[in-house]
Amino acid sequence: MERNFNLLTVDEARSILRVGRNVMYDLIKHNGVPHIKVGKQIRIPEDELIAWMKQQIKQPSLAF
């Protein structure tokens, strides 16, 4: 089975979530937004971000 990966930049992912830059980095660091590092750059798989968002709807726990 071939899988097509659409990797988002932090700015693209934060645009989807409609959050600021600092909030996005906090979500990556503390709340388990799925991501990978390519060198020093962070990339977020789009399908994993959508799955993470659906999980948050079932279990809201984004309090800082």
PDB file of N, CA and C in Angstrom:
ATOM      1  N   MET A   1       0.844  -1.175   0.000  1.00  0.00           N
ATOM      2  CA  MET A   1       0.000   0.000   0.000  1.00  0.00           C
ATOM      3  C   MET A   1       0.892   1.241   0.000  1.00  0.00           C
ATOM      4  N   GLU A   2       0.656   2.118  -0.936  1.00  0.00           N
ATOM      5  CA  GLU A   2       1.437   3.349  -1.031  1.00  0.00           C
ATOM      6  C   GLU A   2       0.737   4.446  -0.240  1.00  0.00           C
ATOM      7  N   ARG A   3       1.512   5.192   0.528  1.00  0.00           N
ATOM      8  CA  ARG A   3       0.959   6.258   1.349  1.00  0.00           C
ATOM      9  C   ARG A   3       1.538   7.583   0.875  1.00  0.00           C
ATOM     10  N   ASN A   4       0.670   8.554   0.705  1.00  0.00           N
ATOM     11  CA  ASN A   4       1.076   9.872   0.267  1.00  0.00           C
ATOM     12  C   ASN A   4       1.178  10.787   1.479  1.00  0.00           C
ATOM     13  N   PHE A   5       2.347  11.291   1.775  1.00  0.00           N
ATOM     14  CA  PHE A   5       2.545  12.162   2.921  1.00  0.00           C
ATOM     15  C   PHE A   5       2.502  13.619   2.488  1.00  0.00           C
ATOM     16  N   ASN A   6       1.674  14.381   3.160  1.00  0.00           N
ATOM     17  CA  ASN A   6       1.665  15.818   2.956  1.00  0.00           C
ATOM     18  C   ASN A   6       2.203  16.430   4.236  1.00  0.00           C
ATOM     19  N   LEU A   7       3.435  16.916   4.198  1.00  0.00           N
ATOM     20  CA  LEU A   7       4.065  17.489   5.371  1.00  0.00           C
ATOM     21  C   LEU A   7       3.859  18.996   5.387  1.00  0.00           C
ATOM     22  N   LEU A   8       3.357  19.488   6.517  1.00  0.00           N
ATOM     23  CA  LEU A   8       3.088  20.908   6.682  1.00  0.00           C
ATOM     24  C   LEU A   8       4.222  21.579   7.439  1.00  0.00           C
ATOM     25  N   THR A   9       4.457  22.827   7.129  1.00  0.00           N
ATOM     26  CA  THR A   9       5.369  23.624   7.949  1.00  0.00           C
ATOM     27  C   THR A   9       4.615  24.035   9.208  1.00  0.00           C
ATOM     28  N   VAL A  10       5.328  24.559  10.178  1.00  0.00           N
ATOM     29  CA  VAL A  10       4.690  25.044  11.403  1.00  0.00           C
ATOM     30  C   VAL A  10       3.692  26.147  11.058  1.00  0.00           C
ATOM     31  N   ASP A  11       4.052  27.044  10.163  1.00  0.00           N
ATOM     32  CA  ASP A  11       3.141  28.129   9.780  1.00  0.00           C
ATOM     33  C   ASP A  11       1.884  27.609   9.094  1.00  0.00           C
ATOM     34  N   GLU A  12       2.014  26.594   8.257  1.00  0.00           N
ATOM     35  CA  GLU A  12       0.835  26.017   7.608  1.00  0.00           C
ATOM     36  C   GLU A  12      -0.075  25.334   8.628  1.00  0.00           C
ATOM     37  N   ALA A  13       0.518  24.613   9.570  1.00  0.00           N
ATOM     38  CA  ALA A  13      -0.273  23.927  10.596  1.00  0.00           C
ATOM     39  C   ALA A  13      -0.959  24.928  11.516  1.00  0.00           C
ATOM     40  N   ARG A  14      -0.266  25.987  11.878  1.00  0.00           N
ATOM     41  CA  ARG A  14      -0.888  26.974  12.774  1.00  0.00           C
ATOM     42  C   ARG A  14      -1.987  27.734  12.059  1.00  0.00           C
ATOM     43  N   SER A  15      -1.882  27.855  10.748  1.00  0.00           N
ATOM     44  CA  SER A  15      -2.953  28.464   9.967  1.00  0.00           C
ATOM     45  C   SER A  15      -4.210  27.587  10.007  1.00  0.00           C
ATOM     46  N   ILE A  16      -4.028  26.291   9.923  1.00  0.00           N
ATOM     47  CA  ILE A  16      -5.157  25.356  10.010  1.00  0.00           C
ATOM     48  C   ILE A  16      -5.810  25.447  11.388  1.00  0.00           C
ATOM     49  N   LEU A  17      -4.985  25.488  12.438  1.00  0.00           N
ATOM     50  CA  LEU A  17      -5.502  25.547  13.808  1.00  0.00           C
ATOM     51  C   LEU A  17      -5.922  26.954  14.225  1.00  0.00           C
ATOM     52  N   ARG A  18      -5.492  27.944  13.436  1.00  0.00           N
ATOM     53  CA  ARG A  18      -5.771  29.352  13.725  1.00  0.00           C
ATOM     54  C   ARG A  18      -5.246  29.757  15.103  1.00  0.00           C
ATOM     55  N   VAL A  19      -3.975  29.460  15.322  1.00  0.00           N
ATOM     56  CA  VAL A  19      -3.299  29.831  16.567  1.00  0.00           C
ATOM     57  C   VAL A  19      -2.033  30.595  16.224  1.00  0.00           C
ATOM     58  N   GLY A  20      -1.492  31.275  17.197  1.00  0.00           N
ATOM     59  CA  GLY A  20      -0.256  32.016  17.017  1.00  0.00           C
ATOM     60  C   GLY A  20       0.959  31.108  17.017  1.00  0.00           C
ATOM     61  N   ARG A  21       2.086  31.707  16.668  1.00  0.00           N
ATOM     62  CA  ARG A  21       3.341  30.960  16.570  1.00  0.00           C
ATOM     63  C   ARG A  21       3.746  30.335  17.907  1.00  0.00           C
ATOM     64  N   ASN A  22       3.703  31.113  18.996  1.00  0.00           N
ATOM     65  CA  ASN A  22       4.097  30.585  20.305  1.00  0.00           C
ATOM     66  C   ASN A  22       3.177  29.464  20.756  1.00  0.00           C
ATOM     67  N   VAL A  23       1.881  29.624  20.529  1.00  0.00           N
ATOM     68  CA  VAL A  23       0.927  28.571  20.904  1.00  0.00           C
ATOM     69  C   VAL A  23       1.220  27.301  20.121  1.00  0.00           C
ATOM     70  N   MET A  24       1.523  27.426  18.843  1.00  0.00           N
ATOM     71  CA  MET A  24       1.812  26.244  18.023  1.00  0.00           C
ATOM     72  C   MET A  24       3.022  25.501  18.553  1.00  0.00           C
ATOM     73  N   TYR A  25       4.075  26.235  18.890  1.00  0.00           N
ATOM     74  CA  TYR A  25       5.264  25.560  19.429  1.00  0.00           C
ATOM     75  C   TYR A  25       4.980  24.933  20.794  1.00  0.00           C
ATOM     76  N   ASP A  26       4.135  25.557  21.604  1.00  0.00           N
ATOM     77  CA  ASP A  26       3.735  24.948  22.882  1.00  0.00           C
ATOM     78  C   ASP A  26       2.941  23.672  22.652  1.00  0.00           C
ATOM     79  N   LEU A  27       2.056  23.684  21.666  1.00  0.00           N
ATOM     80  CA  LEU A  27       1.277  22.477  21.358  1.00  0.00           C
ATOM     81  C   LEU A  27       2.190  21.353  20.890  1.00  0.00           C
ATOM     82  N   ILE A  28       3.181  21.682  20.111  1.00  0.00           N
ATOM     83  CA  ILE A  28       4.131  20.668  19.649  1.00  0.00           C
ATOM     84  C   ILE A  28       4.920  20.114  20.830  1.00  0.00           C
ATOM     85  N   LYS A  29       5.386  21.008  21.683  1.00  0.00           N
ATOM     86  CA  LYS A  29       6.254  20.601  22.786  1.00  0.00           C
ATOM     87  C   LYS A  29       5.506  19.893  23.916  1.00  0.00           C
ATOM     88  N   HIS A  30       4.319  20.387  24.282  1.00  0.00           N
ATOM     89  CA  HIS A  30       3.650  19.892  25.490  1.00  0.00           C
ATOM     90  C   HIS A  30       2.394  19.067  25.245  1.00  0.00           C
ATOM     91  N   ASN A  31       1.734  19.244  24.129  1.00  0.00           N
ATOM     92  CA  ASN A  31       0.449  18.590  23.934  1.00  0.00           C
ATOM     93  C   ASN A  31       0.449  17.513  22.860  1.00  0.00           C
ATOM     94  N   GLY A  32       1.611  17.123  22.421  1.00  0.00           N
ATOM     95  CA  GLY A  32       1.706  15.962  21.562  1.00  0.00           C
ATOM     96  C   GLY A  32       1.257  16.117  20.136  1.00  0.00           C
ATOM     97  N   VAL A  33       1.285  17.340  19.583  1.00  0.00           N
ATOM     98  CA  VAL A  33       1.005  17.463  18.164  1.00  0.00           C
ATOM     99  C   VAL A  33       2.066  16.643  17.429  1.00  0.00           C
ATOM    100  N   PRO A  34       1.635  15.679  16.627  1.00  0.00           N
ATOM    101  CA  PRO A  34       2.605  14.817  15.946  1.00  0.00           C
ATOM    102  C   PRO A  34       3.473  15.619  14.977  1.00  0.00           C
ATOM    103  N   HIS A  35       4.758  15.352  15.033  1.00  0.00           N
ATOM    104  CA  HIS A  35       5.682  16.077  14.170  1.00  0.00           C
ATOM    105  C   HIS A  35       6.945  15.264  13.960  1.00  0.00           C
ATOM    106  N   ILE A  36       7.691  15.658  12.950  1.00  0.00           N
ATOM    107  CA  ILE A  36       9.007  15.074  12.715  1.00  0.00           C
ATOM    108  C   ILE A  36       9.976  16.229  12.514  1.00  0.00           C
ATOM    109  N   LYS A  37      11.234  15.949  12.725  1.00  0.00           N
ATOM    110  CA  LYS A  37      12.268  16.944  12.467  1.00  0.00           C
ATOM    111  C   LYS A  37      13.055  16.500  11.242  1.00  0.00           C
ATOM    112  N   VAL A  38      13.198  17.432  10.328  1.00  0.00           N
ATOM    113  CA  VAL A  38      14.016  17.223   9.137  1.00  0.00           C
ATOM    114  C   VAL A  38      15.156  18.211   9.272  1.00  0.00           C
ATOM    115  N   GLY A  39      16.277  17.700   9.747  1.00  0.00           N
ATOM    116  CA  GLY A  39      17.368  18.601  10.119  1.00  0.00           C
ATOM    117  C   GLY A  39      16.908  19.398  11.329  1.00  0.00           C
ATOM    118  N   LYS A  40      16.899  20.714  11.218  1.00  0.00           N
ATOM    119  CA  LYS A  40      16.433  21.563  12.307  1.00  0.00           C
ATOM    120  C   LYS A  40      14.991  22.030  12.093  1.00  0.00           C
ATOM    121  N   GLN A  41      14.413  21.624  10.981  1.00  0.00           N
ATOM    122  CA  GLN A  41      13.057  22.070  10.661  1.00  0.00           C
ATOM    123  C   GLN A  41      12.014  21.079  11.171  1.00  0.00           C
ATOM    124  N   ILE A  42      10.879  21.601  11.611  1.00  0.00           N
ATOM    125  CA  ILE A  42       9.769  20.782  12.086  1.00  0.00           C
ATOM    126  C   ILE A  42       8.754  20.663  10.961  1.00  0.00           C
ATOM    127  N   ARG A  43       8.286  19.439  10.740  1.00  0.00           N
ATOM    128  CA  ARG A  43       7.232  19.183   9.762  1.00  0.00           C
ATOM    129  C   ARG A  43       6.124  18.387  10.451  1.00  0.00           C
ATOM    130  N   ILE A  44       4.883  18.711  10.099  1.00  0.00           N
ATOM    131  CA  ILE A  44       3.725  18.069  10.706  1.00  0.00           C
ATOM    132  C   ILE A  44       2.965  17.335   9.607  1.00  0.00           C
ATOM    133  N   PRO A  45       2.846  15.988   9.722  1.00  0.00           N
ATOM    134  CA  PRO A  45       2.062  15.251   8.732  1.00  0.00           C
ATOM    135  C   PRO A  45       0.589  15.683   8.816  1.00  0.00           C
ATOM    136  N   GLU A  46       0.030  16.100   7.688  1.00  0.00           N
ATOM    137  CA  GLU A  46      -1.327  16.647   7.681  1.00  0.00           C
ATOM    138  C   GLU A  46      -2.352  15.643   8.204  1.00  0.00           C
ATOM    139  N   ASP A  47      -2.267  14.379   7.769  1.00  0.00           N
ATOM    140  CA  ASP A  47      -3.238  13.391   8.225  1.00  0.00           C
ATOM    141  C   ASP A  47      -3.123  13.135   9.725  1.00  0.00           C
ATOM    142  N   GLU A  48      -1.905  13.194  10.263  1.00  0.00           N
ATOM    143  CA  GLU A  48      -1.703  13.013  11.704  1.00  0.00           C
ATOM    144  C   GLU A  48      -2.239  14.209  12.490  1.00  0.00           C
ATOM    145  N   LEU A  49      -2.101  15.417  11.945  1.00  0.00           N
ATOM    146  CA  LEU A  49      -2.636  16.606  12.592  1.00  0.00           C
ATOM    147  C   LEU A  49      -4.158  16.527  12.664  1.00  0.00           C
ATOM    148  N   ILE A  50      -4.788  16.087  11.583  1.00  0.00           N
ATOM    149  CA  ILE A  50      -6.244  15.946  11.567  1.00  0.00           C
ATOM    150  C   ILE A  50      -6.695  14.899  12.579  1.00  0.00           C
ATOM    151  N   ALA A  51      -5.987  13.775  12.649  1.00  0.00           N
ATOM    152  CA  ALA A  51      -6.314  12.736  13.632  1.00  0.00           C
ATOM    153  C   ALA A  51      -6.142  13.270  15.053  1.00  0.00           C
ATOM    154  N   TRP A  52      -5.089  14.050  15.289  1.00  0.00           N
ATOM    155  CA  TRP A  52      -4.852  14.643  16.608  1.00  0.00           C
ATOM    156  C   TRP A  52      -5.987  15.596  16.978  1.00  0.00           C
ATOM    157  N   MET A  53      -6.436  16.403  16.005  1.00  0.00           N
ATOM    158  CA  MET A  53      -7.539  17.341  16.265  1.00  0.00           C
ATOM    159  C   MET A  53      -8.812  16.590  16.624  1.00  0.00           C
ATOM    160  N   LYS A  54      -9.112  15.510  15.916  1.00  0.00           N
ATOM    161  CA  LYS A  54     -10.305  14.708  16.227  1.00  0.00           C
ATOM    162  C   LYS A  54     -10.223  14.120  17.628  1.00  0.00           C
ATOM    163  N   GLN A  55      -9.046  13.686  18.022  1.00  0.00           N
ATOM    164  CA  GLN A  55      -8.853  13.146  19.368  1.00  0.00           C
ATOM    165  C   GLN A  55      -9.088  14.231  20.420  1.00  0.00           C
ATOM    166  N   GLN A  56      -8.665  15.451  20.136  1.00  0.00           N
ATOM    167  CA  GLN A  56      -8.857  16.550  21.088  1.00  0.00           C
ATOM    168  C   GLN A  56     -10.333  16.885  21.251  1.00  0.00           C
ATOM    169  N   ILE A  57     -11.118  16.697  20.214  1.00  0.00           N
ATOM    170  CA  ILE A  57     -12.559  16.937  20.305  1.00  0.00           C
ATOM    171  C   ILE A  57     -13.182  15.934  21.256  1.00  0.00           C
ATOM    172  N   LYS A  58     -12.737  14.694  21.212  1.00  0.00           N
ATOM    173  CA  LYS A  58     -13.246  13.651  22.100  1.00  0.00           C
ATOM    174  C   LYS A  58     -12.763  13.852  23.517  1.00  0.00           C
ATOM    175  N   GLN A  59     -11.523  14.335  23.691  1.00  0.00           N
ATOM    176  CA  GLN A  59     -10.912  14.500  24.996  1.00  0.00           C
ATOM    177  C   GLN A  59     -10.279  15.886  25.079  1.00  0.00           C
ATOM    178  N   PRO A  60     -11.080  16.937  25.243  1.00  0.00           N
ATOM    179  CA  PRO A  60     -10.479  18.273  25.281  1.00  0.00           C
ATOM    180  C   PRO A  60      -9.575  18.447  26.484  1.00  0.00           C
ATOM    181  N   SER A  61      -8.319  18.745  26.214  1.00  0.00           N
ATOM    182  CA  SER A  61      -7.351  18.941  27.309  1.00  0.00           C
ATOM    183  C   SER A  61      -6.230  19.873  26.867  1.00  0.00           C
ATOM    184  N   LEU A  62      -6.582  20.985  26.285  1.00  0.00           N
ATOM    185  CA  LEU A  62      -5.583  21.910  25.781  1.00  0.00           C
ATOM    186  C   LEU A  62      -5.282  23.036  26.771  1.00  0.00           C
ATOM    187  N   ALA A  63      -5.652  22.869  28.021  1.00  0.00           N
ATOM    188  CA  ALA A  63      -5.399  23.925  29.015  1.00  0.00           C
ATOM    189  C   ALA A  63      -3.915  24.037  29.287  1.00  0.00           C
ATOM    190  N   PHE A  64      -3.443  25.262  29.392  1.00  0.00           N
ATOM    191  CA  PHE A  64      -2.027  25.515  29.698  1.00  0.00           C
ATOM    192  C   PHE A  64      -1.916  25.989  31.119  1.00  0.00           C
TER     193      PHE A  64
END
